[in-house]
């Protein structure tokens, strides 16, 4: 029970996310696909499963492919617990994903002596929280030292790199997923 891998794919969630990302109504998708609004609503709410041809029509209406929608489908669970004992640490990296699947947020736990030698520039926002130890973050040409309990928020597009300055440092990083257009949304606030 609650095992992420046992759940069937939720293509409706992928259809809804794509439709909303394009800022389309169900009526527009219905018109473009030749399918009815009630049927599309049932698909999005997981009450109906589209046939292969219907899914292709929906994908065309959403300017994508059926394969992409299936790849973006979530397992059918709205609650997923990632247990500490199921940690899948790489021997050297000591990185553990805290969220599984294709979601709006990515969360990762870094443990140990992390040193990001390459500069990162993410499309969307990022939050870093130091659980234990200390890190140094270089952002916008300045070095910022963070200790236990400190957080740093970086908006999308900020160039940065970070490293642990104390052995056995633990950092939680939460990022808005790349498939979400959060950067555009921030700039459109108040214009609608």
N, C-alpha and C. Protein backbone atom coordinates (compact mmCIF):
# COMPACT_ATOMS: atom_id res chain seq x y z
N UNK A 1 0.84 -1.18 0.00
CA UNK A 1 0.00 0.00 0.00
C UNK A 1 0.88 1.24 0.00
N UNK A 2 0.54 2.22 -0.81
CA UNK A 2 1.33 3.43 -0.88
C UNK A 2 2.59 3.30 -1.70
N UNK A 3 2.81 2.14 -2.29
CA UNK A 3 4.00 1.96 -3.10
C UNK A 3 3.80 2.65 -4.43
N UNK A 4 4.63 3.61 -4.69
CA UNK A 4 4.57 4.46 -5.87
C UNK A 4 4.56 3.65 -7.17
N UNK A 5 5.31 2.56 -7.22
CA UNK A 5 5.46 1.80 -8.46
C UNK A 5 4.25 0.92 -8.77
N UNK A 6 3.39 0.65 -7.78
CA UNK A 6 2.24 -0.21 -8.00
C UNK A 6 1.07 0.54 -8.64
N UNK A 7 1.11 1.84 -8.67
CA UNK A 7 -0.03 2.64 -9.10
C UNK A 7 -0.06 2.78 -10.62
N UNK A 8 -1.28 2.79 -11.21
CA UNK A 8 -1.38 2.99 -12.65
C UNK A 8 -1.07 4.44 -13.03
N UNK A 9 -0.69 4.64 -14.28
CA UNK A 9 -0.39 5.99 -14.75
C UNK A 9 -1.65 6.84 -14.81
N UNK A 10 -1.49 8.12 -14.50
CA UNK A 10 -2.59 9.08 -14.54
C UNK A 10 -2.36 10.02 -15.71
N UNK A 11 -2.80 9.61 -16.88
CA UNK A 11 -2.60 10.45 -18.06
C UNK A 11 -3.44 11.72 -17.97
N UNK A 12 -4.57 11.66 -17.25
CA UNK A 12 -5.42 12.84 -17.10
C UNK A 12 -4.70 13.99 -16.42
N UNK A 13 -3.88 13.67 -15.43
CA UNK A 13 -3.11 14.71 -14.74
C UNK A 13 -2.13 15.37 -15.70
N UNK A 14 -1.53 14.58 -16.57
CA UNK A 14 -0.59 15.12 -17.56
C UNK A 14 -1.33 16.01 -18.56
N UNK A 15 -2.51 15.58 -18.98
CA UNK A 15 -3.32 16.38 -19.91
C UNK A 15 -3.69 17.71 -19.26
N UNK A 16 -4.14 17.66 -18.01
CA UNK A 16 -4.53 18.89 -17.31
C UNK A 16 -3.35 19.85 -17.16
N UNK A 17 -2.19 19.31 -16.73
CA UNK A 17 -1.01 20.17 -16.57
C UNK A 17 -0.63 20.83 -17.88
N UNK A 18 -0.64 20.06 -18.97
CA UNK A 18 -0.27 20.61 -20.27
C UNK A 18 -1.28 21.67 -20.72
N UNK A 19 -2.55 21.38 -20.54
CA UNK A 19 -3.60 22.34 -20.95
C UNK A 19 -3.45 23.64 -20.17
N UNK A 20 -3.23 23.52 -18.87
CA UNK A 20 -3.08 24.72 -18.04
C UNK A 20 -1.80 25.47 -18.36
N UNK A 21 -0.74 24.75 -18.67
CA UNK A 21 0.53 25.41 -19.03
C UNK A 21 0.36 26.24 -20.30
N UNK A 22 -0.52 25.78 -21.19
CA UNK A 22 -0.79 26.52 -22.43
C UNK A 22 -1.91 27.55 -22.24
N UNK A 23 -2.48 27.60 -21.03
CA UNK A 23 -3.56 28.52 -20.69
C UNK A 23 -4.76 28.33 -21.62
N UNK A 24 -5.14 27.06 -21.81
CA UNK A 24 -6.28 26.72 -22.66
C UNK A 24 -7.45 26.24 -21.82
N UNK A 25 -8.65 26.49 -22.30
CA UNK A 25 -9.84 25.96 -21.64
C UNK A 25 -10.15 24.58 -22.21
N UNK A 26 -10.99 23.84 -21.51
CA UNK A 26 -11.43 22.55 -22.04
C UNK A 26 -12.17 22.73 -23.37
N UNK A 27 -12.91 23.82 -23.49
CA UNK A 27 -13.66 24.08 -24.73
C UNK A 27 -12.72 24.24 -25.92
N UNK A 28 -11.61 24.92 -25.72
CA UNK A 28 -10.65 25.10 -26.82
C UNK A 28 -10.03 23.77 -27.20
N UNK A 29 -9.65 22.97 -26.21
CA UNK A 29 -9.06 21.66 -26.50
C UNK A 29 -10.09 20.76 -27.18
N UNK A 30 -11.35 20.85 -26.75
CA UNK A 30 -12.41 20.07 -27.38
C UNK A 30 -12.57 20.45 -28.85
N UNK A 31 -12.56 21.75 -29.10
CA UNK A 31 -12.70 22.22 -30.48
C UNK A 31 -11.53 21.75 -31.35
N UNK A 32 -10.32 21.87 -30.83
CA UNK A 32 -9.13 21.48 -31.58
C UNK A 32 -9.05 19.97 -31.81
N UNK A 33 -9.54 19.19 -30.83
CA UNK A 33 -9.39 17.74 -30.92
C UNK A 33 -10.59 17.04 -31.53
N UNK A 34 -11.75 17.73 -31.57
CA UNK A 34 -12.96 17.09 -32.07
C UNK A 34 -13.61 16.19 -31.03
N UNK A 35 -13.15 16.27 -29.79
CA UNK A 35 -13.72 15.48 -28.69
C UNK A 35 -14.61 16.39 -27.84
N UNK A 36 -15.49 15.81 -27.07
CA UNK A 36 -16.43 16.62 -26.28
C UNK A 36 -15.79 17.12 -24.99
N UNK A 37 -16.31 18.26 -24.52
CA UNK A 37 -15.86 18.82 -23.25
C UNK A 37 -16.11 17.85 -22.10
N UNK A 38 -17.30 17.22 -22.01
CA UNK A 38 -17.51 16.27 -20.92
C UNK A 38 -16.51 15.10 -20.94
N UNK A 39 -16.21 14.59 -22.13
CA UNK A 39 -15.24 13.49 -22.22
C UNK A 39 -13.86 13.95 -21.75
N UNK A 40 -13.44 15.13 -22.20
CA UNK A 40 -12.12 15.64 -21.79
C UNK A 40 -12.07 15.88 -20.28
N UNK A 41 -13.17 16.36 -19.73
CA UNK A 41 -13.23 16.56 -18.29
C UNK A 41 -13.10 15.21 -17.56
N UNK A 42 -13.77 14.20 -18.07
CA UNK A 42 -13.67 12.86 -17.47
C UNK A 42 -12.24 12.32 -17.57
N UNK A 43 -11.57 12.58 -18.69
CA UNK A 43 -10.18 12.14 -18.86
C UNK A 43 -9.30 12.83 -17.82
N UNK A 44 -9.43 14.15 -17.70
CA UNK A 44 -8.61 14.90 -16.76
C UNK A 44 -8.85 14.48 -15.32
N UNK A 45 -10.07 14.05 -15.02
CA UNK A 45 -10.42 13.64 -13.65
C UNK A 45 -10.30 12.13 -13.45
N UNK A 46 -9.65 11.45 -14.38
CA UNK A 46 -9.39 10.01 -14.30
C UNK A 46 -10.66 9.17 -14.23
N UNK A 47 -11.76 9.68 -14.80
CA UNK A 47 -13.00 8.91 -14.84
C UNK A 47 -13.18 8.21 -16.18
N UNK A 48 -12.35 8.56 -17.13
CA UNK A 48 -12.38 7.91 -18.45
C UNK A 48 -10.95 7.78 -18.94
N UNK A 49 -10.70 6.69 -19.63
CA UNK A 49 -9.38 6.45 -20.21
C UNK A 49 -9.48 6.64 -21.72
N UNK A 50 -8.70 7.55 -22.27
CA UNK A 50 -8.79 7.77 -23.72
C UNK A 50 -8.18 6.60 -24.49
N UNK A 51 -8.76 6.33 -25.64
CA UNK A 51 -8.17 5.33 -26.54
C UNK A 51 -6.89 5.92 -27.11
N UNK A 52 -6.14 5.11 -27.80
CA UNK A 52 -4.89 5.59 -28.41
C UNK A 52 -5.18 6.73 -29.38
N UNK A 53 -6.20 6.59 -30.21
CA UNK A 53 -6.51 7.64 -31.19
C UNK A 53 -7.01 8.91 -30.50
N UNK A 54 -7.81 8.76 -29.44
CA UNK A 54 -8.28 9.94 -28.70
C UNK A 54 -7.12 10.65 -28.02
N UNK A 55 -6.19 9.88 -27.44
CA UNK A 55 -5.04 10.49 -26.79
C UNK A 55 -4.18 11.24 -27.81
N UNK A 56 -4.04 10.69 -29.00
CA UNK A 56 -3.28 11.37 -30.06
C UNK A 56 -3.98 12.67 -30.47
N UNK A 57 -5.30 12.66 -30.54
CA UNK A 57 -6.05 13.88 -30.88
C UNK A 57 -5.88 14.94 -29.80
N UNK A 58 -5.93 14.51 -28.54
CA UNK A 58 -5.73 15.44 -27.43
C UNK A 58 -4.31 16.00 -27.48
N UNK A 59 -3.34 15.13 -27.71
CA UNK A 59 -1.94 15.56 -27.79
C UNK A 59 -1.75 16.59 -28.90
N UNK A 60 -2.33 16.34 -30.07
CA UNK A 60 -2.24 17.30 -31.18
C UNK A 60 -2.84 18.64 -30.78
N UNK A 61 -3.97 18.60 -30.09
CA UNK A 61 -4.63 19.84 -29.64
C UNK A 61 -3.77 20.59 -28.64
N UNK A 62 -2.92 19.86 -27.91
CA UNK A 62 -2.06 20.47 -26.90
C UNK A 62 -0.63 20.69 -27.41
N UNK A 63 -0.45 20.57 -28.73
CA UNK A 63 0.86 20.80 -29.37
C UNK A 63 1.96 19.93 -28.76
N UNK A 64 1.64 18.66 -28.54
CA UNK A 64 2.62 17.71 -28.02
C UNK A 64 2.32 16.36 -28.65
N UNK A 65 2.87 15.30 -28.10
CA UNK A 65 2.63 13.95 -28.62
C UNK A 65 2.03 13.08 -27.53
N UNK A 66 1.40 12.00 -27.94
CA UNK A 66 0.84 11.05 -26.98
C UNK A 66 1.95 10.46 -26.12
N UNK A 67 3.10 10.22 -26.72
CA UNK A 67 4.25 9.67 -25.99
C UNK A 67 4.67 10.63 -24.88
N UNK A 68 4.73 11.93 -25.17
CA UNK A 68 5.10 12.92 -24.17
C UNK A 68 4.08 12.98 -23.03
N UNK A 69 2.79 12.90 -23.37
CA UNK A 69 1.76 12.91 -22.33
C UNK A 69 1.88 11.68 -21.44
N UNK A 70 2.13 10.52 -22.04
CA UNK A 70 2.29 9.31 -21.24
C UNK A 70 3.54 9.38 -20.37
N UNK A 71 4.61 9.96 -20.91
CA UNK A 71 5.84 10.10 -20.13
C UNK A 71 5.65 11.04 -18.95
N UNK A 72 4.77 12.02 -19.10
CA UNK A 72 4.52 13.00 -18.04
C UNK A 72 3.43 12.55 -17.07
N UNK A 73 2.84 11.38 -17.33
CA UNK A 73 1.75 10.90 -16.48
C UNK A 73 2.27 10.54 -15.09
N UNK A 74 1.51 10.96 -14.09
CA UNK A 74 1.84 10.64 -12.70
C UNK A 74 1.29 9.28 -12.34
N UNK A 75 1.95 8.58 -11.44
CA UNK A 75 1.29 7.40 -10.87
C UNK A 75 0.04 7.88 -10.13
N UNK A 76 -0.94 7.02 -10.05
CA UNK A 76 -2.23 7.40 -9.47
C UNK A 76 -2.17 7.47 -7.95
N UNK A 77 -1.43 8.44 -7.45
CA UNK A 77 -1.44 8.67 -6.02
C UNK A 77 -1.18 10.15 -5.78
N UNK A 78 -1.93 10.72 -4.86
CA UNK A 78 -1.73 12.11 -4.54
C UNK A 78 -0.86 12.27 -3.31
N UNK A 79 -0.61 11.16 -2.61
CA UNK A 79 0.26 11.16 -1.45
C UNK A 79 1.29 10.07 -1.67
N UNK A 80 2.55 10.42 -1.58
CA UNK A 80 3.62 9.44 -1.76
C UNK A 80 4.66 9.65 -0.67
N UNK A 81 4.87 8.66 0.14
CA UNK A 81 5.83 8.74 1.24
C UNK A 81 7.15 8.15 0.78
N UNK A 82 8.22 8.89 0.94
CA UNK A 82 9.56 8.40 0.63
C UNK A 82 10.22 8.11 1.98
N UNK A 83 10.43 6.84 2.26
CA UNK A 83 10.98 6.41 3.54
C UNK A 83 12.49 6.62 3.59
N UNK A 84 12.99 6.99 4.75
CA UNK A 84 14.43 7.22 4.95
C UNK A 84 15.23 5.96 4.65
N UNK A 85 14.70 4.79 5.05
CA UNK A 85 15.45 3.55 4.83
C UNK A 85 15.52 3.14 3.36
N UNK A 86 14.71 3.78 2.51
CA UNK A 86 14.76 3.47 1.08
C UNK A 86 15.71 4.40 0.35
N UNK A 87 16.54 5.09 1.10
CA UNK A 87 17.48 6.05 0.50
C UNK A 87 18.33 5.37 -0.55
N UNK A 88 18.40 5.99 -1.70
CA UNK A 88 19.18 5.45 -2.81
C UNK A 88 20.38 6.35 -3.04
N UNK A 89 21.26 6.42 -2.04
CA UNK A 89 22.44 7.25 -2.16
C UNK A 89 23.41 6.66 -3.16
N UNK A 90 23.95 7.51 -4.01
CA UNK A 90 25.09 7.12 -4.84
C UNK A 90 26.29 7.13 -3.89
N UNK A 91 27.21 6.17 -3.97
CA UNK A 91 28.29 6.06 -3.00
C UNK A 91 29.09 7.35 -2.81
N UNK A 92 29.38 8.08 -3.86
CA UNK A 92 30.18 9.29 -3.73
C UNK A 92 29.33 10.54 -3.56
N UNK A 93 28.23 10.63 -4.27
CA UNK A 93 27.45 11.86 -4.31
C UNK A 93 26.58 12.07 -3.07
N UNK A 94 26.07 11.01 -2.47
CA UNK A 94 25.17 11.10 -1.32
C UNK A 94 24.04 12.07 -1.57
N UNK A 95 23.30 11.80 -2.63
CA UNK A 95 22.17 12.61 -3.03
C UNK A 95 20.93 11.72 -3.02
N UNK A 96 19.86 12.22 -2.43
CA UNK A 96 18.63 11.43 -2.36
C UNK A 96 17.45 12.27 -2.79
N UNK A 97 16.71 11.81 -3.81
CA UNK A 97 15.48 12.52 -4.17
C UNK A 97 14.44 12.35 -3.07
N UNK A 98 13.77 13.42 -2.71
CA UNK A 98 12.75 13.38 -1.68
C UNK A 98 11.34 13.32 -2.26
N UNK A 99 11.23 13.56 -3.56
CA UNK A 99 9.95 13.51 -4.27
C UNK A 99 10.16 12.66 -5.50
N UNK A 100 9.26 11.71 -5.72
CA UNK A 100 9.35 10.85 -6.90
C UNK A 100 8.34 11.30 -7.94
N UNK A 101 8.64 11.05 -9.18
CA UNK A 101 7.69 11.33 -10.24
C UNK A 101 7.87 12.70 -10.87
N UNK A 102 6.93 13.03 -11.72
CA UNK A 102 6.95 14.24 -12.54
C UNK A 102 6.00 15.25 -11.89
N UNK A 103 6.54 16.12 -11.05
CA UNK A 103 5.71 17.06 -10.29
C UNK A 103 6.19 18.49 -10.49
N UNK A 104 5.47 19.43 -9.91
CA UNK A 104 5.83 20.84 -10.03
C UNK A 104 7.06 21.18 -9.21
N UNK A 105 7.30 20.44 -8.14
CA UNK A 105 8.46 20.70 -7.29
C UNK A 105 9.38 19.49 -7.28
N UNK A 106 10.66 19.76 -7.23
CA UNK A 106 11.68 18.73 -7.03
C UNK A 106 12.31 19.04 -5.68
N UNK A 107 12.52 18.02 -4.88
CA UNK A 107 13.19 18.20 -3.60
C UNK A 107 14.28 17.14 -3.49
N UNK A 108 15.46 17.57 -3.07
CA UNK A 108 16.61 16.69 -3.00
C UNK A 108 17.36 16.94 -1.71
N UNK A 109 17.86 15.87 -1.10
CA UNK A 109 18.68 15.98 0.10
C UNK A 109 20.12 15.66 -0.29
N UNK A 110 21.02 16.58 0.04
CA UNK A 110 22.45 16.40 -0.19
C UNK A 110 23.10 16.17 1.17
N UNK A 111 23.88 15.12 1.30
CA UNK A 111 24.55 14.80 2.56
C UNK A 111 26.03 14.60 2.28
N UNK A 112 26.87 15.19 3.11
CA UNK A 112 28.31 14.99 2.97
C UNK A 112 29.01 16.20 2.42
N UNK A 113 30.13 15.97 1.80
CA UNK A 113 31.00 17.03 1.31
C UNK A 113 30.65 17.38 -0.13
N UNK A 114 29.63 18.17 -0.31
CA UNK A 114 29.19 18.57 -1.65
C UNK A 114 30.00 19.77 -2.12
N UNK A 115 30.44 19.73 -3.37
CA UNK A 115 31.17 20.87 -3.95
C UNK A 115 30.74 21.01 -5.40
N UNK A 116 29.88 21.96 -5.67
CA UNK A 116 29.38 22.21 -7.02
C UNK A 116 30.40 23.04 -7.77
N UNK A 117 31.22 22.37 -8.59
CA UNK A 117 32.28 23.10 -9.29
C UNK A 117 31.74 23.87 -10.49
N UNK A 118 30.70 23.36 -11.09
CA UNK A 118 30.15 24.09 -12.24
C UNK A 118 29.11 25.08 -11.76
N UNK A 119 28.98 26.15 -12.50
CA UNK A 119 28.00 27.17 -12.16
C UNK A 119 26.63 26.74 -12.68
N UNK A 120 25.62 26.90 -11.85
CA UNK A 120 24.25 26.54 -12.22
C UNK A 120 23.46 27.79 -12.55
N UNK A 121 22.55 27.65 -13.49
CA UNK A 121 21.60 28.73 -13.79
C UNK A 121 20.28 28.04 -14.12
N UNK A 122 19.41 27.98 -13.14
CA UNK A 122 18.15 27.29 -13.31
C UNK A 122 17.09 28.21 -13.89
N UNK A 123 16.17 27.62 -14.61
CA UNK A 123 15.11 28.39 -15.23
C UNK A 123 14.13 28.95 -14.19
N UNK A 124 13.89 28.16 -13.14
CA UNK A 124 12.90 28.54 -12.13
C UNK A 124 13.53 28.71 -10.76
N UNK A 125 12.72 29.03 -9.78
CA UNK A 125 13.18 29.34 -8.43
C UNK A 125 13.69 28.12 -7.67
N UNK A 126 14.51 28.42 -6.65
CA UNK A 126 15.16 27.37 -5.86
C UNK A 126 15.26 27.85 -4.42
N UNK A 127 15.04 26.93 -3.47
CA UNK A 127 15.19 27.20 -2.06
C UNK A 127 16.17 26.19 -1.48
N UNK A 128 17.14 26.69 -0.72
CA UNK A 128 18.11 25.82 -0.04
C UNK A 128 17.92 25.98 1.46
N UNK A 129 17.89 24.85 2.17
CA UNK A 129 17.76 24.85 3.62
C UNK A 129 18.87 23.99 4.21
N UNK A 130 19.68 24.55 5.09
CA UNK A 130 20.78 23.83 5.71
C UNK A 130 20.24 23.13 6.96
N UNK A 131 20.17 21.81 6.92
CA UNK A 131 19.67 21.02 8.04
C UNK A 131 20.77 20.88 9.09
N UNK A 132 21.97 20.53 8.66
CA UNK A 132 23.13 20.35 9.53
C UNK A 132 24.36 20.86 8.79
N UNK A 133 25.33 21.37 9.54
CA UNK A 133 26.59 21.80 8.94
C UNK A 133 26.54 23.21 8.42
N UNK A 134 27.30 23.45 7.34
CA UNK A 134 27.38 24.79 6.76
C UNK A 134 27.73 24.69 5.29
N UNK A 135 27.29 25.69 4.53
CA UNK A 135 27.60 25.77 3.10
C UNK A 135 28.00 27.19 2.75
N UNK A 136 28.66 27.30 1.61
CA UNK A 136 28.97 28.60 1.03
C UNK A 136 28.34 28.61 -0.35
N UNK A 137 27.53 29.62 -0.61
CA UNK A 137 26.86 29.76 -1.90
C UNK A 137 27.41 31.00 -2.58
N UNK A 138 27.88 30.83 -3.79
CA UNK A 138 28.32 31.97 -4.59
C UNK A 138 27.19 32.30 -5.55
N UNK A 139 26.61 33.49 -5.41
CA UNK A 139 25.49 33.91 -6.24
C UNK A 139 25.63 35.38 -6.57
N UNK A 140 25.46 35.71 -7.83
CA UNK A 140 25.55 37.09 -8.31
C UNK A 140 26.85 37.76 -7.87
N UNK A 141 27.95 36.99 -7.93
CA UNK A 141 29.26 37.55 -7.63
C UNK A 141 29.58 37.72 -6.16
N UNK A 142 28.69 37.25 -5.27
CA UNK A 142 28.92 37.38 -3.84
C UNK A 142 28.91 36.01 -3.19
N UNK A 143 29.72 35.84 -2.14
CA UNK A 143 29.73 34.61 -1.37
C UNK A 143 28.82 34.77 -0.16
N UNK A 144 27.95 33.80 0.05
CA UNK A 144 27.02 33.81 1.18
C UNK A 144 27.29 32.57 2.01
N UNK A 145 27.53 32.75 3.31
CA UNK A 145 27.76 31.62 4.21
C UNK A 145 26.45 31.31 4.94
N UNK A 146 26.03 30.06 4.86
CA UNK A 146 24.81 29.61 5.51
C UNK A 146 25.14 28.53 6.53
N UNK A 147 24.54 28.63 7.69
CA UNK A 147 24.73 27.63 8.73
C UNK A 147 23.44 26.90 9.03
N UNK A 148 23.48 26.04 10.02
CA UNK A 148 22.34 25.21 10.41
C UNK A 148 21.09 26.08 10.61
N UNK A 149 20.01 25.69 9.91
CA UNK A 149 18.74 26.40 10.01
C UNK A 149 18.57 27.56 9.05
N UNK A 150 19.64 27.95 8.35
CA UNK A 150 19.55 29.06 7.39
C UNK A 150 18.93 28.58 6.08
N UNK A 151 18.27 29.52 5.40
CA UNK A 151 17.72 29.25 4.07
C UNK A 151 18.20 30.31 3.10
N UNK A 152 18.21 29.95 1.83
CA UNK A 152 18.50 30.91 0.77
C UNK A 152 17.52 30.66 -0.36
N UNK A 153 16.93 31.73 -0.84
CA UNK A 153 16.00 31.67 -1.96
C UNK A 153 16.68 32.30 -3.16
N UNK A 154 16.69 31.57 -4.27
CA UNK A 154 17.28 32.08 -5.51
C UNK A 154 16.19 32.12 -6.58
N UNK A 155 15.99 33.27 -7.19
CA UNK A 155 15.00 33.35 -8.25
C UNK A 155 15.57 32.71 -9.52
N UNK A 156 14.67 32.32 -10.40
CA UNK A 156 15.09 31.71 -11.66
C UNK A 156 16.03 32.62 -12.43
N UNK A 157 17.06 32.03 -13.02
CA UNK A 157 18.01 32.77 -13.84
C UNK A 157 19.25 33.24 -13.11
N UNK A 158 19.27 33.13 -11.77
CA UNK A 158 20.44 33.57 -11.01
C UNK A 158 21.55 32.52 -11.13
N UNK A 159 22.72 32.95 -11.58
CA UNK A 159 23.87 32.05 -11.67
C UNK A 159 24.42 31.83 -10.27
N UNK A 160 24.71 30.54 -9.95
CA UNK A 160 25.20 30.23 -8.61
C UNK A 160 25.92 28.89 -8.59
N UNK A 161 26.68 28.68 -7.52
CA UNK A 161 27.29 27.40 -7.21
C UNK A 161 27.38 27.32 -5.70
N UNK A 162 27.49 26.10 -5.18
CA UNK A 162 27.57 25.98 -3.73
C UNK A 162 28.43 24.79 -3.34
N UNK A 163 28.92 24.87 -2.08
CA UNK A 163 29.74 23.79 -1.56
C UNK A 163 29.55 23.70 -0.05
N UNK A 164 29.70 22.48 0.45
CA UNK A 164 29.65 22.27 1.89
C UNK A 164 30.99 22.69 2.47
N UNK A 165 30.97 23.40 3.60
CA UNK A 165 32.21 23.84 4.25
C UNK A 165 32.50 23.07 5.52
N UNK A 166 31.57 22.20 5.91
CA UNK A 166 31.73 21.38 7.12
C UNK A 166 31.40 19.93 6.72
N UNK A 167 32.22 18.95 7.19
CA UNK A 167 31.92 17.56 6.88
C UNK A 167 30.52 17.17 7.39
N UNK A 168 29.90 16.22 6.71
CA UNK A 168 28.57 15.71 7.08
C UNK A 168 27.48 16.76 7.05
N UNK A 169 27.61 17.73 6.18
CA UNK A 169 26.58 18.75 5.99
C UNK A 169 25.37 18.10 5.32
N UNK A 170 24.18 18.54 5.73
CA UNK A 170 22.93 18.09 5.10
C UNK A 170 22.17 19.31 4.62
N UNK A 171 21.83 19.31 3.34
CA UNK A 171 21.12 20.43 2.73
C UNK A 171 19.91 19.89 1.97
N UNK A 172 18.78 20.54 2.16
CA UNK A 172 17.58 20.23 1.39
C UNK A 172 17.43 21.31 0.34
N UNK A 173 17.29 20.89 -0.92
CA UNK A 173 17.10 21.82 -2.04
C UNK A 173 15.74 21.53 -2.66
N UNK A 174 14.92 22.57 -2.75
CA UNK A 174 13.60 22.47 -3.37
C UNK A 174 13.59 23.41 -4.57
N UNK A 175 13.23 22.85 -5.73
CA UNK A 175 13.25 23.63 -6.97
C UNK A 175 11.92 23.49 -7.70
N UNK A 176 11.50 24.54 -8.35
CA UNK A 176 10.36 24.46 -9.25
C UNK A 176 10.83 23.73 -10.50
N UNK A 177 10.08 22.73 -10.93
CA UNK A 177 10.49 21.88 -12.05
C UNK A 177 10.66 22.67 -13.35
N UNK A 178 11.55 22.18 -14.19
CA UNK A 178 11.83 22.85 -15.46
C UNK A 178 10.63 22.88 -16.40
N UNK A 179 9.73 21.90 -16.28
CA UNK A 179 8.58 21.89 -17.19
C UNK A 179 7.50 22.90 -16.79
N UNK A 180 7.69 23.61 -15.68
CA UNK A 180 6.75 24.63 -15.22
C UNK A 180 7.28 26.00 -15.65
N UNK A 181 6.43 26.83 -16.20
CA UNK A 181 6.84 28.16 -16.64
C UNK A 181 6.65 29.19 -15.54
N UNK A 182 7.25 28.93 -14.38
CA UNK A 182 7.08 29.83 -13.23
C UNK A 182 7.72 31.18 -13.48
N UNK A 183 8.79 31.23 -14.24
CA UNK A 183 9.46 32.51 -14.51
C UNK A 183 8.51 33.42 -15.28
N UNK A 184 7.85 32.90 -16.29
CA UNK A 184 6.91 33.71 -17.06
C UNK A 184 5.74 34.15 -16.19
N UNK A 185 5.25 33.25 -15.33
CA UNK A 185 4.11 33.58 -14.48
C UNK A 185 4.44 34.77 -13.58
N UNK A 186 5.65 34.81 -13.02
CA UNK A 186 6.04 35.88 -12.11
C UNK A 186 5.99 37.23 -12.84
N UNK A 187 6.39 37.26 -14.08
CA UNK A 187 6.44 38.52 -14.83
C UNK A 187 5.05 38.96 -15.31
N UNK A 188 4.11 38.02 -15.37
CA UNK A 188 2.77 38.34 -15.84
C UNK A 188 1.82 38.72 -14.71
N UNK A 189 2.27 38.66 -13.47
CA UNK A 189 1.40 38.99 -12.34
C UNK A 189 0.92 40.43 -12.48
N UNK A 190 -0.38 40.62 -12.37
CA UNK A 190 -0.96 41.95 -12.46
C UNK A 190 -1.27 42.42 -13.87
N UNK A 191 -0.89 41.64 -14.86
CA UNK A 191 -1.14 42.06 -16.26
C UNK A 191 -2.40 41.43 -16.83
N UNK A 192 -3.02 40.53 -16.10
CA UNK A 192 -4.19 39.83 -16.65
C UNK A 192 -5.46 40.54 -16.33
